[in-house]
Amino acid sequence: MKCKKALKIIGIILGIAAVAAGVYVAITKIKAKKEAANDEENYVSCSCCEAE
């Protein structure tokens, strides 16, 4: 009985950790997309560099 109870607790902890990891990955991907969009918006072409 104690072994089953311990395995259930470990399973719950692993499930919570998996959800937390998934949320972390999703947030980092969203942040990366926003930063990439901001970089494109702030890009200014330089005519002196295009002449080369």
Protein backbone atom coordinates (compact mmCIF):
# COMPACT_ATOMS: atom_id res chain seq x y z
CA MET A 1 0.00 0.00 0.00
CA LYS A 2 2.74 2.44 0.90
CA CYS A 3 4.57 1.74 -2.35
CA LYS A 4 1.47 2.51 -4.44
CA LYS A 5 0.92 5.74 -2.51
CA ALA A 6 4.55 6.81 -3.04
CA LEU A 7 4.33 6.03 -6.77
CA LYS A 8 1.14 8.10 -7.06
CA ILE A 9 2.82 11.06 -5.36
CA ILE A 10 5.88 10.74 -7.60
CA GLY A 11 3.61 10.54 -10.65
CA ILE A 12 1.75 13.68 -9.63
CA ILE A 13 5.02 15.56 -9.06
CA LEU A 14 6.35 14.43 -12.45
CA GLY A 15 3.08 15.48 -14.11
CA ILE A 16 3.27 18.95 -12.57
CA ALA A 17 6.92 19.25 -13.61
CA ALA A 18 6.04 18.26 -17.20
CA VAL A 19 3.28 20.88 -17.35
CA ALA A 20 5.63 23.53 -15.94
CA ALA A 21 8.29 22.63 -18.52
CA GLY A 22 5.72 22.85 -21.31
CA VAL A 23 4.56 26.27 -20.18
CA TYR A 24 8.17 27.46 -19.95
CA VAL A 25 8.95 26.29 -23.49
CA ALA A 26 5.78 27.91 -24.84
CA ILE A 27 6.57 31.23 -23.14
CA THR A 28 10.16 31.27 -24.41
CA LYS A 29 8.97 30.58 -27.98
CA ILE A 30 6.41 33.39 -27.77
CA LYS A 31 9.04 35.79 -26.41
CA ALA A 32 11.47 34.83 -29.18
CA LYS A 33 8.83 35.52 -31.84
CA LYS A 34 8.01 38.91 -30.31
CA GLU A 35 11.69 39.86 -30.14
CA ALA A 36 12.20 38.83 -33.77
CA ALA A 37 9.21 40.94 -34.80
CA ASN A 38 10.58 43.91 -32.86
CA ASP A 39 13.97 43.54 -34.56
CA GLU A 40 12.33 43.66 -37.99
CA GLU A 41 10.31 46.74 -37.04
CA ASN A 42 13.38 48.59 -35.77
CA TYR A 43 15.55 47.70 -38.77
CA VAL A 44 16.74 50.69 -40.76
CA SER A 45 18.55 50.05 -44.00
CA CYS A 46 21.76 51.94 -44.56
CA SER A 47 22.37 53.18 -48.08
CA CYS A 48 26.14 53.36 -47.46
CA CYS A 49 26.22 49.60 -46.78
CA GLU A 50 24.14 48.77 -49.87
CA ALA A 51 26.65 50.53 -52.17
CA GLU A 52 29.34 47.91 -51.53
